[in-house]
Amino acid sequence: MRYHFHIAEDGRFVEDEEGQEFSNEHAVRREAIEAGASIARDAFIRGARRIEIDVRMENVPVLKVVISLEIED
């Protein structure tokens, strides 16, 4: 099955037009978490405070990974 990983970073949206093939939802979940962690690292260094990965199959929501950064002085 083909899953699409749409990314939102502090209001900026990047649509995954191609998607990726996965054999099961466990693999999709793992990929979403790994991608979220990698994207968040780079985004937070650039100053972003929140990223979301909205995973869909045939435009039907499957899961959403939300990672945010809060800094307290």
PDB file of N, CA and C in Angstrom:
ATOM      1  N   MET A   1       0.829  -1.167   0.000  1.00  0.00           N
ATOM      2  CA  MET A   1       0.000   0.000   0.000  1.00  0.00           C
ATOM      3  C   MET A   1       0.890   1.253   0.000  1.00  0.00           C
ATOM      4  N   ARG A   2       0.416   2.310  -0.613  1.00  0.00           N
ATOM      5  CA  ARG A   2       1.183   3.559  -0.730  1.00  0.00           C
ATOM      6  C   ARG A   2       0.700   4.571   0.319  1.00  0.00           C
ATOM      7  N   TYR A   3       1.669   5.079   1.069  1.00  0.00           N
ATOM      8  CA  TYR A   3       1.407   6.055   2.124  1.00  0.00           C
ATOM      9  C   TYR A   3       2.104   7.363   1.789  1.00  0.00           C
ATOM     10  N   HIS A   4       1.438   8.469   2.135  1.00  0.00           N
ATOM     11  CA  HIS A   4       1.998   9.801   1.889  1.00  0.00           C
ATOM     12  C   HIS A   4       2.279  10.473   3.226  1.00  0.00           C
ATOM     13  N   PHE A   5       3.463  11.078   3.327  1.00  0.00           N
ATOM     14  CA  PHE A   5       3.921  11.715   4.553  1.00  0.00           C
ATOM     15  C   PHE A   5       3.950  13.234   4.324  1.00  0.00           C
ATOM     16  N   HIS A   6       2.869  13.921   4.664  1.00  0.00           N
ATOM     17  CA  HIS A   6       2.787  15.367   4.496  1.00  0.00           C
ATOM     18  C   HIS A   6       3.409  16.030   5.732  1.00  0.00           C
ATOM     19  N   ILE A   7       4.204  17.066   5.503  1.00  0.00           N
ATOM     20  CA  ILE A   7       4.955  17.693   6.583  1.00  0.00           C
ATOM     21  C   ILE A   7       4.521  19.145   6.773  1.00  0.00           C
ATOM     22  N   ALA A   8       4.259  19.508   8.028  1.00  0.00           N
ATOM     23  CA  ALA A   8       3.983  20.898   8.385  1.00  0.00           C
ATOM     24  C   ALA A   8       5.044  21.329   9.392  1.00  0.00           C
ATOM     25  N   GLU A   9       5.642  22.482   9.103  1.00  0.00           N
ATOM     26  CA  GLU A   9       6.685  23.025   9.983  1.00  0.00           C
ATOM     27  C   GLU A   9       6.364  24.482  10.263  1.00  0.00           C
ATOM     28  N   ASP A  10       5.906  24.756  11.485  1.00  0.00           N
ATOM     29  CA  ASP A  10       5.553  26.131  11.873  1.00  0.00           C
ATOM     30  C   ASP A  10       4.718  26.835  10.805  1.00  0.00           C
ATOM     31  N   GLY A  11       3.678  26.178  10.317  1.00  0.00           N
ATOM     32  CA  GLY A  11       2.784  26.797   9.347  1.00  0.00           C
ATOM     33  C   GLY A  11       3.155  26.576   7.888  1.00  0.00           C
ATOM     34  N   ARG A  12       4.360  26.118   7.603  1.00  0.00           N
ATOM     35  CA  ARG A  12       4.768  25.811   6.226  1.00  0.00           C
ATOM     36  C   ARG A  12       4.389  24.359   5.932  1.00  0.00           C
ATOM     37  N   PHE A  13       3.799  24.101   4.776  1.00  0.00           N
ATOM     38  CA  PHE A  13       3.305  22.761   4.438  1.00  0.00           C
ATOM     39  C   PHE A  13       4.026  22.220   3.218  1.00  0.00           C
ATOM     40  N   VAL A  14       4.469  20.967   3.325  1.00  0.00           N
ATOM     41  CA  VAL A  14       5.098  20.281   2.200  1.00  0.00           C
ATOM     42  C   VAL A  14       4.308  18.999   1.946  1.00  0.00           C
ATOM     43  N   GLU A  15       3.693  18.935   0.779  1.00  0.00           N
ATOM     44  CA  GLU A  15       2.881  17.764   0.422  1.00  0.00           C
ATOM     45  C   GLU A  15       3.752  16.688  -0.206  1.00  0.00           C
ATOM     46  N   ASP A  16       3.550  15.459   0.240  1.00  0.00           N
ATOM     47  CA  ASP A  16       4.244  14.303  -0.322  1.00  0.00           C
ATOM     48  C   ASP A  16       3.403  13.785  -1.483  1.00  0.00           C
ATOM     49  N   GLU A  17       3.774  14.161  -2.687  1.00  0.00           N
ATOM     50  CA  GLU A  17       2.982  13.780  -3.865  1.00  0.00           C
ATOM     51  C   GLU A  17       3.247  12.349  -4.324  1.00  0.00           C
ATOM     52  N   GLU A  18       4.445  11.837  -4.078  1.00  0.00           N
ATOM     53  CA  GLU A  18       4.799  10.497  -4.553  1.00  0.00           C
ATOM     54  C   GLU A  18       4.408   9.386  -3.591  1.00  0.00           C
ATOM     55  N   GLY A  19       4.651   9.580  -2.312  1.00  0.00           N
ATOM     56  CA  GLY A  19       4.368   8.551  -1.317  1.00  0.00           C
ATOM     57  C   GLY A  19       5.403   7.440  -1.351  1.00  0.00           C
ATOM     58  N   GLN A  20       5.218   6.494  -0.442  1.00  0.00           N
ATOM     59  CA  GLN A  20       6.110   5.350  -0.336  1.00  0.00           C
ATOM     60  C   GLN A  20       5.286   4.094  -0.100  1.00  0.00           C
ATOM     61  N   GLU A  21       5.812   2.986  -0.570  1.00  0.00           N
ATOM     62  CA  GLU A  21       5.144   1.699  -0.375  1.00  0.00           C
ATOM     63  C   GLU A  21       5.599   1.060   0.932  1.00  0.00           C
ATOM     64  N   PHE A  22       4.630   0.555   1.709  1.00  0.00           N
ATOM     65  CA  PHE A  22       4.916  -0.176   2.938  1.00  0.00           C
ATOM     66  C   PHE A  22       4.006  -1.393   2.983  1.00  0.00           C
ATOM     67  N   SER A  23       4.500  -2.461   3.596  1.00  0.00           N
ATOM     68  CA  SER A  23       3.725  -3.697   3.647  1.00  0.00           C
ATOM     69  C   SER A  23       2.753  -3.737   4.822  1.00  0.00           C
ATOM     70  N   ASN A  24       3.027  -2.918   5.868  1.00  0.00           N
ATOM     71  CA  ASN A  24       2.134  -2.922   7.027  1.00  0.00           C
ATOM     72  C   ASN A  24       2.211  -1.595   7.777  1.00  0.00           C
ATOM     73  N   GLU A  25       1.252  -1.371   8.654  1.00  0.00           N
ATOM     74  CA  GLU A  25       1.187  -0.097   9.377  1.00  0.00           C
ATOM     75  C   GLU A  25       2.281   0.035  10.435  1.00  0.00           C
ATOM     76  N   HIS A  26       2.816  -1.067  10.920  1.00  0.00           N
ATOM     77  CA  HIS A  26       3.939  -1.000  11.870  1.00  0.00           C
ATOM     78  C   HIS A  26       5.135  -0.330  11.195  1.00  0.00           C
ATOM     79  N   ALA A  27       5.421  -0.703   9.971  1.00  0.00           N
ATOM     80  CA  ALA A  27       6.538  -0.105   9.223  1.00  0.00           C
ATOM     81  C   ALA A  27       6.263   1.378   8.939  1.00  0.00           C
ATOM     82  N   VAL A  28       5.017   1.713   8.671  1.00  0.00           N
ATOM     83  CA  VAL A  28       4.632   3.105   8.420  1.00  0.00           C
ATOM     84  C   VAL A  28       4.854   3.928   9.688  1.00  0.00           C
ATOM     85  N   ARG A  29       4.430   3.402  10.810  1.00  0.00           N
ATOM     86  CA  ARG A  29       4.587   4.098  12.094  1.00  0.00           C
ATOM     87  C   ARG A  29       6.063   4.350  12.398  1.00  0.00           C
ATOM     88  N   ARG A  30       6.864   3.338  12.197  1.00  0.00           N
ATOM     89  CA  ARG A  30       8.306   3.461  12.459  1.00  0.00           C
ATOM     90  C   ARG A  30       8.927   4.538  11.565  1.00  0.00           C
ATOM     91  N   GLU A  31       8.593   4.510  10.298  1.00  0.00           N
ATOM     92  CA  GLU A  31       9.126   5.502   9.352  1.00  0.00           C
ATOM     93  C   GLU A  31       8.678   6.915   9.720  1.00  0.00           C
ATOM     94  N   ALA A  32       7.426   7.065  10.135  1.00  0.00           N
ATOM     95  CA  ALA A  32       6.919   8.384  10.517  1.00  0.00           C
ATOM     96  C   ALA A  32       7.675   8.921  11.727  1.00  0.00           C
ATOM     97  N   ILE A  33       7.954   8.086  12.694  1.00  0.00           N
ATOM     98  CA  ILE A  33       8.688   8.511  13.889  1.00  0.00           C
ATOM     99  C   ILE A  33      10.125   8.857  13.536  1.00  0.00           C
ATOM    100  N   GLU A  34      10.777   8.001  12.748  1.00  0.00           N
ATOM    101  CA  GLU A  34      12.163   8.267  12.356  1.00  0.00           C
ATOM    102  C   GLU A  34      12.271   9.539  11.512  1.00  0.00           C
ATOM    103  N   ALA A  35      11.371   9.707  10.576  1.00  0.00           N
ATOM    104  CA  ALA A  35      11.386  10.910   9.729  1.00  0.00           C
ATOM    105  C   ALA A  35      11.100  12.150  10.568  1.00  0.00           C
ATOM    106  N   GLY A  36      10.147  12.049  11.477  1.00  0.00           N
ATOM    107  CA  GLY A  36       9.822  13.173  12.340  1.00  0.00           C
ATOM    108  C   GLY A  36      11.004  13.616  13.181  1.00  0.00           C
ATOM    109  N   ALA A  37      11.711  12.660  13.759  1.00  0.00           N
ATOM    110  CA  ALA A  37      12.877  12.988  14.584  1.00  0.00           C
ATOM    111  C   ALA A  37      13.958  13.663  13.756  1.00  0.00           C
ATOM    112  N   SER A  38      14.200  13.158  12.568  1.00  0.00           N
ATOM    113  CA  SER A  38      15.234  13.721  11.695  1.00  0.00           C
ATOM    114  C   SER A  38      14.864  15.131  11.227  1.00  0.00           C
ATOM    115  N   ILE A  39      13.619  15.299  10.807  1.00  0.00           N
ATOM    116  CA  ILE A  39      13.153  16.605  10.337  1.00  0.00           C
ATOM    117  C   ILE A  39      13.142  17.605  11.494  1.00  0.00           C
ATOM    118  N   ALA A  40      12.683  17.176  12.670  1.00  0.00           N
ATOM    119  CA  ALA A  40      12.621  18.065  13.828  1.00  0.00           C
ATOM    120  C   ALA A  40      14.002  18.570  14.209  1.00  0.00           C
ATOM    121  N   ARG A  41      14.982  17.713  14.191  1.00  0.00           N
ATOM    122  CA  ARG A  41      16.342  18.122  14.545  1.00  0.00           C
ATOM    123  C   ARG A  41      16.783  19.296  13.684  1.00  0.00           C
ATOM    124  N   ASP A  42      16.670  19.149  12.395  1.00  0.00           N
ATOM    125  CA  ASP A  42      17.092  20.215  11.477  1.00  0.00           C
ATOM    126  C   ASP A  42      16.200  21.450  11.602  1.00  0.00           C
ATOM    127  N   ALA A  43      14.904  21.247  11.736  1.00  0.00           N
ATOM    128  CA  ALA A  43      13.959  22.364  11.827  1.00  0.00           C
ATOM    129  C   ALA A  43      14.188  23.166  13.105  1.00  0.00           C
ATOM    130  N   PHE A  44      14.439  22.485  14.202  1.00  0.00           N
ATOM    131  CA  PHE A  44      14.644  23.179  15.474  1.00  0.00           C
ATOM    132  C   PHE A  44      15.929  23.998  15.444  1.00  0.00           C
ATOM    133  N   ILE A  45      16.946  23.503  14.797  1.00  0.00           N
ATOM    134  CA  ILE A  45      18.193  24.268  14.659  1.00  0.00           C
ATOM    135  C   ILE A  45      17.932  25.548  13.865  1.00  0.00           C
ATOM    136  N   ARG A  46      17.041  25.478  12.859  1.00  0.00           N
ATOM    137  CA  ARG A  46      16.696  26.663  12.058  1.00  0.00           C
ATOM    138  C   ARG A  46      15.759  27.614  12.786  1.00  0.00           C
ATOM    139  N   GLY A  47      15.228  27.212  13.930  1.00  0.00           N
ATOM    140  CA  GLY A  47      14.363  28.097  14.697  1.00  0.00           C
ATOM    141  C   GLY A  47      12.905  27.676  14.762  1.00  0.00           C
ATOM    142  N   ALA A  48      12.531  26.613  14.083  1.00  0.00           N
ATOM    143  CA  ALA A  48      11.148  26.134  14.153  1.00  0.00           C
ATOM    144  C   ALA A  48      10.848  25.638  15.564  1.00  0.00           C
ATOM    145  N   ARG A  49       9.593  25.606  15.918  1.00  0.00           N
ATOM    146  CA  ARG A  49       9.196  25.140  17.249  1.00  0.00           C
ATOM    147  C   ARG A  49       8.255  23.937  17.202  1.00  0.00           C
ATOM    148  N   ARG A  50       7.729  23.610  16.018  1.00  0.00           N
ATOM    149  CA  ARG A  50       6.776  22.488  15.926  1.00  0.00           C
ATOM    150  C   ARG A  50       6.804  21.905  14.520  1.00  0.00           C
ATOM    151  N   ILE A  51       6.789  20.593  14.454  1.00  0.00           N
ATOM    152  CA  ILE A  51       6.622  19.926  13.172  1.00  0.00           C
ATOM    153  C   ILE A  51       5.537  18.854  13.318  1.00  0.00           C
ATOM    154  N   GLU A  52       4.863  18.606  12.213  1.00  0.00           N
ATOM    155  CA  GLU A  52       3.848  17.556  12.167  1.00  0.00           C
ATOM    156  C   GLU A  52       4.069  16.726  10.918  1.00  0.00           C
ATOM    157  N   ILE A  53       3.925  15.428  11.071  1.00  0.00           N
ATOM    158  CA  ILE A  53       3.927  14.545   9.910  1.00  0.00           C
ATOM    159  C   ILE A  53       2.560  13.876   9.877  1.00  0.00           C
ATOM    160  N   ASP A  54       1.809  14.199   8.854  1.00  0.00           N
ATOM    161  CA  ASP A  54       0.454  13.684   8.663  1.00  0.00           C
ATOM    162  C   ASP A  54       0.540  12.559   7.641  1.00  0.00           C
ATOM    163  N   VAL A  55       0.361  11.336   8.103  1.00  0.00           N
ATOM    164  CA  VAL A  55       0.480  10.168   7.230  1.00  0.00           C
ATOM    165  C   VAL A  55      -0.909   9.787   6.725  1.00  0.00           C
ATOM    166  N   ARG A  56      -1.002   9.648   5.408  1.00  0.00           N
ATOM    167  CA  ARG A  56      -2.284   9.309   4.782  1.00  0.00           C
ATOM    168  C   ARG A  56      -2.116   8.188   3.762  1.00  0.00           C
ATOM    169  N   MET A  57      -3.183   7.424   3.613  1.00  0.00           N
ATOM    170  CA  MET A  57      -3.250   6.391   2.588  1.00  0.00           C
ATOM    171  C   MET A  57      -4.483   6.699   1.759  1.00  0.00           C
ATOM    172  N   GLU A  58      -4.272   7.000   0.463  1.00  0.00           N
ATOM    173  CA  GLU A  58      -5.400   7.361  -0.407  1.00  0.00           C
ATOM    174  C   GLU A  58      -6.193   8.525   0.180  1.00  0.00           C
ATOM    175  N   ASN A  59      -5.509   9.506   0.741  1.00  0.00           N
ATOM    176  CA  ASN A  59      -6.073  10.711   1.345  1.00  0.00           C
ATOM    177  C   ASN A  59      -6.890  10.439   2.601  1.00  0.00           C
ATOM    178  N   VAL A  60      -6.753   9.256   3.176  1.00  0.00           N
ATOM    179  CA  VAL A  60      -7.409   8.913   4.439  1.00  0.00           C
ATOM    180  C   VAL A  60      -6.363   8.982   5.542  1.00  0.00           C
ATOM    181  N   PRO A  61      -6.612   9.751   6.615  1.00  0.00           N
ATOM    182  CA  PRO A  61      -5.632   9.847   7.700  1.00  0.00           C
ATOM    183  C   PRO A  61      -5.342   8.482   8.329  1.00  0.00           C
ATOM    184  N   VAL A  62      -4.051   8.210   8.521  1.00  0.00           N
ATOM    185  CA  VAL A  62      -3.612   6.968   9.166  1.00  0.00           C
ATOM    186  C   VAL A  62      -3.061   7.285  10.552  1.00  0.00           C
ATOM    187  N   LEU A  63      -2.153   8.259  10.617  1.00  0.00           N
ATOM    188  CA  LEU A  63      -1.616   8.703  11.896  1.00  0.00           C
ATOM    189  C   LEU A  63      -0.944  10.048  11.720  1.00  0.00           C
ATOM    190  N   LYS A  64      -0.696  10.708  12.853  1.00  0.00           N
ATOM    191  CA  LYS A  64      -0.004  11.992  12.828  1.00  0.00           C
ATOM    192  C   LYS A  64       1.057  11.976  13.919  1.00  0.00           C
ATOM    193  N   VAL A  65       2.260  12.385  13.563  1.00  0.00           N
ATOM    194  CA  VAL A  65       3.350  12.537  14.521  1.00  0.00           C
ATOM    195  C   VAL A  65       3.551  14.037  14.712  1.00  0.00           C
ATOM    196  N   VAL A  66       3.506  14.490  15.959  1.00  0.00           N
ATOM    197  CA  VAL A  66       3.701  15.894  16.287  1.00  0.00           C
ATOM    198  C   VAL A  66       4.876  15.988  17.249  1.00  0.00           C
ATOM    199  N   ILE A  67       5.854  16.811  16.887  1.00  0.00           N
ATOM    200  CA  ILE A  67       7.025  17.020  17.739  1.00  0.00           C
ATOM    201  C   ILE A  67       7.181  18.517  17.926  1.00  0.00           C
ATOM    202  N   SER A  68       7.279  18.941  19.187  1.00  0.00           N
ATOM    203  CA  SER A  68       7.416  20.364  19.459  1.00  0.00           C
ATOM    204  C   SER A  68       8.610  20.604  20.389  1.00  0.00           C
ATOM    205  N   LEU A  69       9.099  21.820  20.350  1.00  0.00           N
ATOM    206  CA  LEU A  69      10.233  22.231  21.174  1.00  0.00           C
ATOM    207  C   LEU A  69       9.801  23.403  22.021  1.00  0.00           C
ATOM    208  N   GLU A  70      10.046  23.296  23.306  1.00  0.00           N
ATOM    209  CA  GLU A  70       9.756  24.395  24.226  1.00  0.00           C
ATOM    210  C   GLU A  70      11.044  24.717  24.972  1.00  0.00           C
ATOM    211  N   ILE A  71      11.418  25.979  24.962  1.00  0.00           N
ATOM    212  CA  ILE A  71      12.622  26.405  25.648  1.00  0.00           C
ATOM    213  C   ILE A  71      12.223  27.340  26.785  1.00  0.00           C
ATOM    214  N   GLU A  72      12.680  27.022  27.969  1.00  0.00           N
ATOM    215  CA  GLU A  72      12.409  27.868  29.130  1.00  0.00           C
ATOM    216  C   GLU A  72      13.718  28.508  29.577  1.00  0.00           C
ATOM    217  N   ASP A  73      13.682  29.806  29.748  1.00  0.00           N
ATOM    218  CA  ASP A  73      14.870  30.537  30.248  1.00  0.00           C
ATOM    219  C   ASP A  73      14.791  30.677  31.751  1.00  0.00           C
TER     220      ASP A  73
END
